[in-house]
Structures are given as structure tokens and as C-alpha cells.
Amino acid sequence: MGSMGEPRVITVQNRGRVNLGKLATHDRYFARLESDGTIVLEPAVLIPLSQKLMLDERDDSPTALADGHESPATLDGREGHGPDDAPAV
């Protein structure tokens, strides 16, 4: 149950809340609203700012770029899905 099963009807409650029940396999999600009204949820992992800065520094180093490391925003081949596009914590 959950991943690629049959579609389920989810009712929006009066305060705009939904209960994902067993569909939710992660604790946190990034949510975005598509132009057609589709709501997309992507699993999210939050890290301390100090660790993000360290990772950004490593990713921008000439060694990391020479080793083929890309910036987190382009790792999945899509624009706008890196840590810099996440809501402020």
C-alpha cells in the first residue's frame, strides 16, 4: 500500500488539511502546486545549516567539480529542486 497502488480519494478537511494515512512513507515532504492544480509531494530531509554550508563548499571546490560532482540543484536533472529552493527553516 502506498507507492504505485491504485488511486485513492483524499478529502480536504475544512481547514485545508488532508490525511495521507498509509500513503505517507516519510516524515517530511516538500510540497508544490502545479499550474493545473496538481499538488506534488517530494520526500524531504532537513539538515543543519552548518552541514549545508560545508556540503556547498565541497560541491563548489575545483576538486569536486573535477571529480564530476554537480551542484545539488542539478543532481536529479531538474531545475529548481536543490536545497536553495527549499523553504527557509
PDB file of N, CA and C in Angstrom:
ATOM      1  N   MET A   1       0.844  -1.179   0.000  1.00  0.00           N
ATOM      2  CA  MET A   1       0.000   0.000   0.000  1.00  0.00           C
ATOM      3  C   MET A   1       0.883   1.233   0.000  1.00  0.00           C
ATOM      4  N   GLY A   2       0.532   2.243  -0.766  1.00  0.00           N
ATOM      5  CA  GLY A   2       1.280   3.475  -0.665  1.00  0.00           C
ATOM      6  C   GLY A   2       1.914   3.910  -1.961  1.00  0.00           C
ATOM      7  N   SER A   3       2.922   3.201  -2.453  1.00  0.00           N
ATOM      8  CA  SER A   3       3.674   3.733  -3.573  1.00  0.00           C
ATOM      9  C   SER A   3       2.871   3.764  -4.867  1.00  0.00           C
ATOM     10  N   MET A   4       2.978   2.770  -5.690  1.00  0.00           N
ATOM     11  CA  MET A   4       2.346   2.813  -7.001  1.00  0.00           C
ATOM     12  C   MET A   4       1.048   2.016  -7.036  1.00  0.00           C
ATOM     13  N   GLY A   5       0.250   2.103  -5.987  1.00  0.00           N
ATOM     14  CA  GLY A   5      -1.017   1.382  -5.930  1.00  0.00           C
ATOM     15  C   GLY A   5      -2.103   2.098  -6.703  1.00  0.00           C
ATOM     16  N   GLU A   6      -3.306   1.648  -6.479  1.00  0.00           N
ATOM     17  CA  GLU A   6      -4.450   2.264  -7.138  1.00  0.00           C
ATOM     18  C   GLU A   6      -4.709   3.646  -6.559  1.00  0.00           C
ATOM     19  N   PRO A   7      -5.288   4.552  -7.357  1.00  0.00           N
ATOM     20  CA  PRO A   7      -5.589   5.897  -6.857  1.00  0.00           C
ATOM     21  C   PRO A   7      -6.542   5.841  -5.672  1.00  0.00           C
ATOM     22  N   ARG A   8      -6.391   6.774  -4.774  1.00  0.00           N
ATOM     23  CA  ARG A   8      -7.257   6.878  -3.603  1.00  0.00           C
ATOM     24  C   ARG A   8      -7.864   8.267  -3.562  1.00  0.00           C
ATOM     25  N   VAL A   9      -9.044   8.348  -3.039  1.00  0.00           N
ATOM     26  CA  VAL A   9      -9.699   9.639  -2.848  1.00  0.00           C
ATOM     27  C   VAL A   9      -9.275  10.168  -1.489  1.00  0.00           C
ATOM     28  N   ILE A  10      -8.748  11.376  -1.479  1.00  0.00           N
ATOM     29  CA  ILE A  10      -8.354  12.042  -0.236  1.00  0.00           C
ATOM     30  C   ILE A  10      -9.210  13.293  -0.124  1.00  0.00           C
ATOM     31  N   THR A  11      -9.904  13.419   0.978  1.00  0.00           N
ATOM     32  CA  THR A  11     -10.804  14.547   1.186  1.00  0.00           C
ATOM     33  C   THR A  11     -10.093  15.668   1.928  1.00  0.00           C
ATOM     34  N   VAL A  12     -10.218  16.874   1.401  1.00  0.00           N
ATOM     35  CA  VAL A  12      -9.648  18.048   2.062  1.00  0.00           C
ATOM     36  C   VAL A  12     -10.610  18.464   3.165  1.00  0.00           C
ATOM     37  N   GLN A  13     -10.085  18.536   4.392  1.00  0.00           N
ATOM     38  CA  GLN A  13     -10.909  18.918   5.529  1.00  0.00           C
ATOM     39  C   GLN A  13     -11.119  20.429   5.544  1.00  0.00           C
ATOM     40  N   ASN A  14     -12.010  20.895   6.414  1.00  0.00           N
ATOM     41  CA  ASN A  14     -12.434  22.298   6.399  1.00  0.00           C
ATOM     42  C   ASN A  14     -11.292  23.291   6.623  1.00  0.00           C
ATOM     43  N   ARG A  15     -10.198  22.912   7.220  1.00  0.00           N
ATOM     44  CA  ARG A  15      -9.071  23.830   7.426  1.00  0.00           C
ATOM     45  C   ARG A  15      -7.985  23.641   6.372  1.00  0.00           C
ATOM     46  N   GLY A  16      -8.298  22.965   5.292  1.00  0.00           N
ATOM     47  CA  GLY A  16      -7.344  22.740   4.220  1.00  0.00           C
ATOM     48  C   GLY A  16      -6.373  21.607   4.492  1.00  0.00           C
ATOM     49  N   ARG A  17      -6.673  20.773   5.450  1.00  0.00           N
ATOM     50  CA  ARG A  17      -5.791  19.675   5.818  1.00  0.00           C
ATOM     51  C   ARG A  17      -6.233  18.379   5.155  1.00  0.00           C
ATOM     52  N   VAL A  18      -5.244  17.517   4.897  1.00  0.00           N
ATOM     53  CA  VAL A  18      -5.532  16.185   4.375  1.00  0.00           C
ATOM     54  C   VAL A  18      -4.808  15.159   5.230  1.00  0.00           C
ATOM     55  N   ASN A  19      -5.342  13.967   5.283  1.00  0.00           N
ATOM     56  CA  ASN A  19      -4.715  12.869   5.997  1.00  0.00           C
ATOM     57  C   ASN A  19      -4.232  11.870   4.949  1.00  0.00           C
ATOM     58  N   LEU A  20      -2.919  11.706   4.847  1.00  0.00           N
ATOM     59  CA  LEU A  20      -2.359  10.796   3.855  1.00  0.00           C
ATOM     60  C   LEU A  20      -2.359   9.348   4.326  1.00  0.00           C
ATOM     61  N   GLY A  21      -2.536   9.152   5.624  1.00  0.00           N
ATOM     62  CA  GLY A  21      -2.568   7.803   6.169  1.00  0.00           C
ATOM     63  C   GLY A  21      -1.354   6.994   5.768  1.00  0.00           C
ATOM     64  N   LYS A  22      -1.600   5.793   5.266  1.00  0.00           N
ATOM     65  CA  LYS A  22      -0.510   4.887   4.908  1.00  0.00           C
ATOM     66  C   LYS A  22       0.192   5.278   3.614  1.00  0.00           C
ATOM     67  N   LEU A  23      -0.340   6.262   2.899  1.00  0.00           N
ATOM     68  CA  LEU A  23       0.364   6.748   1.709  1.00  0.00           C
ATOM     69  C   LEU A  23       1.652   7.464   2.081  1.00  0.00           C
ATOM     70  N   ALA A  24       1.682   8.055   3.269  1.00  0.00           N
ATOM     71  CA  ALA A  24       2.860   8.794   3.726  1.00  0.00           C
ATOM     72  C   ALA A  24       3.894   7.799   4.241  1.00  0.00           C
ATOM     73  N   THR A  25       4.994   7.697   3.525  1.00  0.00           N
ATOM     74  CA  THR A  25       6.064   6.783   3.931  1.00  0.00           C
ATOM     75  C   THR A  25       7.259   7.528   4.509  1.00  0.00           C
ATOM     76  N   HIS A  26       7.203   8.861   4.510  1.00  0.00           N
ATOM     77  CA  HIS A  26       8.271   9.702   5.058  1.00  0.00           C
ATOM     78  C   HIS A  26       7.660  10.652   6.085  1.00  0.00           C
ATOM     79  N   ASP A  27       8.511  11.266   6.889  1.00  0.00           N
ATOM     80  CA  ASP A  27       8.035  12.198   7.913  1.00  0.00           C
ATOM     81  C   ASP A  27       7.815  13.614   7.393  1.00  0.00           C
ATOM     82  N   ARG A  28       8.608  14.028   6.399  1.00  0.00           N
ATOM     83  CA  ARG A  28       8.536  15.400   5.892  1.00  0.00           C
ATOM     84  C   ARG A  28       8.517  15.382   4.363  1.00  0.00           C
ATOM     85  N   TYR A  29       7.814  16.356   3.818  1.00  0.00           N
ATOM     86  CA  TYR A  29       7.716  16.481   2.365  1.00  0.00           C
ATOM     87  C   TYR A  29       7.833  17.948   1.969  1.00  0.00           C
ATOM     88  N   PHE A  30       8.406  18.196   0.785  1.00  0.00           N
ATOM     89  CA  PHE A  30       8.299  19.495   0.140  1.00  0.00           C
ATOM     90  C   PHE A  30       7.033  19.405  -0.701  1.00  0.00           C
ATOM     91  N   ALA A  31       6.233  20.438  -0.686  1.00  0.00           N
ATOM     92  CA  ALA A  31       5.003  20.453  -1.481  1.00  0.00           C
ATOM     93  C   ALA A  31       5.053  21.615  -2.460  1.00  0.00           C
ATOM     94  N   ARG A  32       4.561  21.375  -3.654  1.00  0.00           N
ATOM     95  CA  ARG A  32       4.445  22.469  -4.621  1.00  0.00           C
ATOM     96  C   ARG A  32       3.142  22.276  -5.392  1.00  0.00           C
ATOM     97  N   LEU A  33       2.603  23.382  -5.826  1.00  0.00           N
ATOM     98  CA  LEU A  33       1.356  23.393  -6.568  1.00  0.00           C
ATOM     99  C   LEU A  33       1.667  23.658  -8.033  1.00  0.00           C
ATOM    100  N   GLU A  34       1.280  22.740  -8.893  1.00  0.00           N
ATOM    101  CA  GLU A  34       1.482  22.888 -10.337  1.00  0.00           C
ATOM    102  C   GLU A  34       0.417  23.829 -10.897  1.00  0.00           C
ATOM    103  N   SER A  35       0.648  24.343 -12.090  1.00  0.00           N
ATOM    104  CA  SER A  35      -0.283  25.302 -12.693  1.00  0.00           C
ATOM    105  C   SER A  35      -1.662  24.689 -12.956  1.00  0.00           C
ATOM    106  N   ASP A  36      -1.729  23.363 -13.109  1.00  0.00           N
ATOM    107  CA  ASP A  36      -3.018  22.714 -13.354  1.00  0.00           C
ATOM    108  C   ASP A  36      -3.740  22.323 -12.066  1.00  0.00           C
ATOM    109  N   GLY A  37      -3.176  22.712 -10.912  1.00  0.00           N
ATOM    110  CA  GLY A  37      -3.796  22.406  -9.629  1.00  0.00           C
ATOM    111  C   GLY A  37      -3.294  21.128  -8.969  1.00  0.00           C
ATOM    112  N   THR A  38      -2.418  20.406  -9.651  1.00  0.00           N
ATOM    113  CA  THR A  38      -1.845  19.187  -9.082  1.00  0.00           C
ATOM    114  C   THR A  38      -0.916  19.548  -7.933  1.00  0.00           C
ATOM    115  N   ILE A  39      -1.051  18.834  -6.827  1.00  0.00           N
ATOM    116  CA  ILE A  39      -0.164  19.026  -5.686  1.00  0.00           C
ATOM    117  C   ILE A  39       0.871  17.909  -5.716  1.00  0.00           C
ATOM    118  N   VAL A  40       2.144  18.284  -5.727  1.00  0.00           N
ATOM    119  CA  VAL A  40       3.234  17.311  -5.779  1.00  0.00           C
ATOM    120  C   VAL A  40       3.950  17.320  -4.437  1.00  0.00           C
ATOM    121  N   LEU A  41       4.104  16.134  -3.844  1.00  0.00           N
ATOM    122  CA  LEU A  41       4.835  15.980  -2.591  1.00  0.00           C
ATOM    123  C   LEU A  41       6.119  15.218  -2.873  1.00  0.00           C
ATOM    124  N   GLU A  42       7.244  15.766  -2.418  1.00  0.00           N
ATOM    125  CA  GLU A  42       8.532  15.096  -2.567  1.00  0.00           C
ATOM    126  C   GLU A  42       9.131  14.880  -1.186  1.00  0.00           C
ATOM    127  N   PRO A  43       9.607  13.674  -0.890  1.00  0.00           N
ATOM    128  CA  PRO A  43      10.227  13.439   0.414  1.00  0.00           C
ATOM    129  C   PRO A  43      11.345  14.448   0.662  1.00  0.00           C
ATOM    130  N   ALA A  44      11.435  14.935   1.894  1.00  0.00           N
ATOM    131  CA  ALA A  44      12.421  15.957   2.240  1.00  0.00           C
ATOM    132  C   ALA A  44      13.243  15.496   3.432  1.00  0.00           C
ATOM    133  N   VAL A  45      14.507  15.869   3.416  1.00  0.00           N
ATOM    134  CA  VAL A  45      15.397  15.645   4.539  1.00  0.00           C
ATOM    135  C   VAL A  45      15.954  17.006   4.917  1.00  0.00           C
ATOM    136  N   LEU A  46      15.816  17.357   6.173  1.00  0.00           N
ATOM    137  CA  LEU A  46      16.336  18.629   6.652  1.00  0.00           C
ATOM    138  C   LEU A  46      17.692  18.398   7.299  1.00  0.00           C
ATOM    139  N   ILE A  47      18.644  19.293   6.993  1.00  0.00           N
ATOM    140  CA  ILE A  47      19.965  19.196   7.588  1.00  0.00           C
ATOM    141  C   ILE A  47      20.307  20.526   8.248  1.00  0.00           C
ATOM    142  N   PRO A  48      21.193  20.510   9.239  1.00  0.00           N
ATOM    143  CA  PRO A  48      21.607  21.769   9.867  1.00  0.00           C
ATOM    144  C   PRO A  48      22.286  22.682   8.839  1.00  0.00           C
ATOM    145  N   LEU A  49      22.133  23.977   9.003  1.00  0.00           N
ATOM    146  CA  LEU A  49      22.725  24.942   8.087  1.00  0.00           C
ATOM    147  C   LEU A  49      24.235  24.756   8.000  1.00  0.00           C
ATOM    148  N   SER A  50      24.893  24.467   9.100  1.00  0.00           N
ATOM    149  CA  SER A  50      26.349  24.293   9.078  1.00  0.00           C
ATOM    150  C   SER A  50      26.748  23.149   8.148  1.00  0.00           C
ATOM    151  N   GLN A  51      25.970  22.074   8.148  1.00  0.00           N
ATOM    152  CA  GLN A  51      26.275  20.954   7.268  1.00  0.00           C
ATOM    153  C   GLN A  51      26.011  21.322   5.815  1.00  0.00           C
ATOM    154  N   LYS A  52      24.953  22.067   5.552  1.00  0.00           N
ATOM    155  CA  LYS A  52      24.662  22.508   4.191  1.00  0.00           C
ATOM    156  C   LYS A  52      25.784  23.377   3.656  1.00  0.00           C
ATOM    157  N   LEU A  53      26.262  24.305   4.482  1.00  0.00           N
ATOM    158  CA  LEU A  53      27.355  25.182   4.054  1.00  0.00           C
ATOM    159  C   LEU A  53      28.607  24.367   3.746  1.00  0.00           C
ATOM    160  N   MET A  54      28.875  23.359   4.561  1.00  0.00           N
ATOM    161  CA  MET A  54      30.034  22.503   4.325  1.00  0.00           C
ATOM    162  C   MET A  54      29.865  21.740   3.004  1.00  0.00           C
ATOM    163  N   LEU A  55      28.681  21.209   2.755  1.00  0.00           N
ATOM    164  CA  LEU A  55      28.432  20.489   1.507  1.00  0.00           C
ATOM    165  C   LEU A  55      28.510  21.415   0.301  1.00  0.00           C
ATOM    166  N   ASP A  56      27.970  22.626   0.431  1.00  0.00           N
ATOM    167  CA  ASP A  56      28.033  23.592  -0.664  1.00  0.00           C
ATOM    168  C   ASP A  56      29.478  23.948  -0.969  1.00  0.00           C
ATOM    169  N   GLU A  57      30.268  24.135   0.065  1.00  0.00           N
ATOM    170  CA  GLU A  57      31.681  24.479  -0.114  1.00  0.00           C
ATOM    171  C   GLU A  57      32.399  23.343  -0.836  1.00  0.00           C
ATOM    172  N   ARG A  58      32.120  22.120  -0.423  1.00  0.00           N
ATOM    173  CA  ARG A  58      32.746  20.961  -1.055  1.00  0.00           C
ATOM    174  C   ARG A  58      32.299  20.823  -2.505  1.00  0.00           C
ATOM    175  N   ASP A  59      31.018  21.037  -2.789  1.00  0.00           N
ATOM    176  CA  ASP A  59      30.497  20.901  -4.151  1.00  0.00           C
ATOM    177  C   ASP A  59      31.040  21.967  -5.083  1.00  0.00           C
ATOM    178  N   ASP A  60      31.384  23.137  -4.553  1.00  0.00           N
ATOM    179  CA  ASP A  60      31.892  24.224  -5.386  1.00  0.00           C
ATOM    180  C   ASP A  60      33.402  24.180  -5.554  1.00  0.00           C
ATOM    181  N   SER A  61      34.065  23.267  -4.854  1.00  0.00           N
ATOM    182  CA  SER A  61      35.526  23.215  -4.944  1.00  0.00           C
ATOM    183  C   SER A  61      35.939  22.668  -6.305  1.00  0.00           C
ATOM    184  N   PRO A  62      37.099  23.126  -6.809  1.00  0.00           N
ATOM    185  CA  PRO A  62      37.581  22.606  -8.100  1.00  0.00           C
ATOM    186  C   PRO A  62      37.746  21.097  -8.088  1.00  0.00           C
ATOM    187  N   THR A  63      38.143  20.508  -6.955  1.00  0.00           N
ATOM    188  CA  THR A  63      38.308  19.057  -6.864  1.00  0.00           C
ATOM    189  C   THR A  63      36.978  18.354  -7.055  1.00  0.00           C
ATOM    190  N   ALA A  64      35.943  18.847  -6.392  1.00  0.00           N
ATOM    191  CA  ALA A  64      34.626  18.218  -6.513  1.00  0.00           C
ATOM    192  C   ALA A  64      34.111  18.312  -7.939  1.00  0.00           C
ATOM    193  N   LEU A  65      34.296  19.468  -8.583  1.00  0.00           N
ATOM    194  CA  LEU A  65      33.826  19.629  -9.954  1.00  0.00           C
ATOM    195  C   LEU A  65      34.617  18.738 -10.899  1.00  0.00           C
ATOM    196  N   ALA A  66      35.930  18.607 -10.655  1.00  0.00           N
ATOM    197  CA  ALA A  66      36.763  17.746 -11.494  1.00  0.00           C
ATOM    198  C   ALA A  66      36.379  16.280 -11.323  1.00  0.00           C
ATOM    199  N   ASP A  67      35.921  15.913 -10.134  1.00  0.00           N
ATOM    200  CA  ASP A  67      35.511  14.533  -9.876  1.00  0.00           C
ATOM    201  C   ASP A  67      34.128  14.234 -10.446  1.00  0.00           C
ATOM    202  N   GLY A  68      33.484  15.227 -11.041  1.00  0.00           N
ATOM    203  CA  GLY A  68      32.178  15.007 -11.643  1.00  0.00           C
ATOM    204  C   GLY A  68      31.013  15.291 -10.728  1.00  0.00           C
ATOM    205  N   HIS A  69      31.255  15.849  -9.547  1.00  0.00           N
ATOM    206  CA  HIS A  69      30.153  16.194  -8.661  1.00  0.00           C
ATOM    207  C   HIS A  69      29.444  17.428  -9.205  1.00  0.00           C
ATOM    208  N   GLU A  70      28.147  17.374  -9.206  1.00  0.00           N
ATOM    209  CA  GLU A  70      27.358  18.511  -9.646  1.00  0.00           C
ATOM    210  C   GLU A  70      26.753  19.188  -8.437  1.00  0.00           C
ATOM    211  N   SER A  71      26.248  20.383  -8.663  1.00  0.00           N
ATOM    212  CA  SER A  71      25.575  21.059  -7.562  1.00  0.00           C
ATOM    213  C   SER A  71      24.303  20.290  -7.232  1.00  0.00           C
ATOM    214  N   PRO A  72      23.845  20.328  -5.960  1.00  0.00           N
ATOM    215  CA  PRO A  72      22.643  19.584  -5.578  1.00  0.00           C
ATOM    216  C   PRO A  72      21.412  19.943  -6.391  1.00  0.00           C
ATOM    217  N   ALA A  73      21.353  21.161  -6.923  1.00  0.00           N
ATOM    218  CA  ALA A  73      20.169  21.590  -7.668  1.00  0.00           C
ATOM    219  C   ALA A  73      20.018  20.840  -8.983  1.00  0.00           C
ATOM    220  N   THR A  74      21.111  20.275  -9.513  1.00  0.00           N
ATOM    221  CA  THR A  74      21.016  19.621 -10.817  1.00  0.00           C
ATOM    222  C   THR A  74      21.247  18.123 -10.751  1.00  0.00           C
ATOM    223  N   LEU A  75      21.397  17.555  -9.571  1.00  0.00           N
ATOM    224  CA  LEU A  75      21.679  16.128  -9.461  1.00  0.00           C
ATOM    225  C   LEU A  75      20.586  15.261 -10.062  1.00  0.00           C
ATOM    226  N   ASP A  76      19.335  15.674  -9.956  1.00  0.00           N
ATOM    227  CA  ASP A  76      18.258  14.847 -10.496  1.00  0.00           C
ATOM    228  C   ASP A  76      17.859  15.263 -11.907  1.00  0.00           C
ATOM    229  N   GLY A  77      18.619  16.198 -12.498  1.00  0.00           N
ATOM    230  CA  GLY A  77      18.357  16.612 -13.861  1.00  0.00           C
ATOM    231  C   GLY A  77      17.243  17.629 -14.010  1.00  0.00           C
ATOM    232  N   ARG A  78      16.681  18.087 -12.895  1.00  0.00           N
ATOM    233  CA  ARG A  78      15.603  19.065 -12.964  1.00  0.00           C
ATOM    234  C   ARG A  78      16.075  20.356 -12.322  1.00  0.00           C
ATOM    235  N   GLU A  79      15.667  21.455 -12.880  1.00  0.00           N
ATOM    236  CA  GLU A  79      15.997  22.753 -12.302  1.00  0.00           C
ATOM    237  C   GLU A  79      15.111  23.032 -11.107  1.00  0.00           C
ATOM    238  N   GLY A  80      15.615  23.777 -10.154  1.00  0.00           N
ATOM    239  CA  GLY A  80      14.797  24.265  -9.054  1.00  0.00           C
ATOM    240  C   GLY A  80      14.439  23.242  -8.009  1.00  0.00           C
ATOM    241  N   HIS A  81      15.232  22.171  -7.843  1.00  0.00           N
ATOM    242  CA  HIS A  81      14.919  21.178  -6.836  1.00  0.00           C
ATOM    243  C   HIS A  81      16.076  20.972  -5.870  1.00  0.00           C
ATOM    244  N   GLY A  82      16.973  21.930  -5.790  1.00  0.00           N
ATOM    245  CA  GLY A  82      18.094  21.826  -4.867  1.00  0.00           C
ATOM    246  C   GLY A  82      17.758  22.440  -3.524  1.00  0.00           C
ATOM    247  N   PRO A  83      18.690  22.362  -2.590  1.00  0.00           N
ATOM    248  CA  PRO A  83      18.440  22.862  -1.236  1.00  0.00           C
ATOM    249  C   PRO A  83      18.189  24.359  -1.197  1.00  0.00           C
ATOM    250  N   ASP A  84      18.716  25.111  -2.170  1.00  0.00           N
ATOM    251  CA  ASP A  84      18.499  26.552  -2.173  1.00  0.00           C
ATOM    252  C   ASP A  84      17.069  26.919  -2.517  1.00  0.00           C
ATOM    253  N   ASP A  85      16.319  25.971  -3.099  1.00  0.00           N
ATOM    254  CA  ASP A  85      14.939  26.222  -3.468  1.00  0.00           C
ATOM    255  C   ASP A  85      13.966  25.796  -2.371  1.00  0.00           C
ATOM    256  N   ALA A  86      14.486  25.236  -1.316  1.00  0.00           N
ATOM    257  CA  ALA A  86      13.648  24.785  -0.211  1.00  0.00           C
ATOM    258  C   ALA A  86      13.194  25.983   0.623  1.00  0.00           C
ATOM    259  N   PRO A  87      12.043  25.869   1.252  1.00  0.00           N
ATOM    260  CA  PRO A  87      11.590  26.944   2.121  1.00  0.00           C
ATOM    261  C   PRO A  87      12.571  27.159   3.273  1.00  0.00           C
ATOM    262  N   ALA A  88      12.683  28.387   3.724  1.00  0.00           N
ATOM    263  CA  ALA A  88      13.575  28.690   4.837  1.00  0.00           C
ATOM    264  C   ALA A  88      13.132  27.935   6.086  1.00  0.00           C
ATOM    265  N   VAL A  89      14.110  27.481   6.815  1.00  0.00           N
ATOM    266  CA  VAL A  89      13.815  26.717   8.042  1.00  0.00           C
ATOM    267  C   VAL A  89      13.729  27.650   9.221  1.00  0.00           C
TER     268      VAL A  89
END
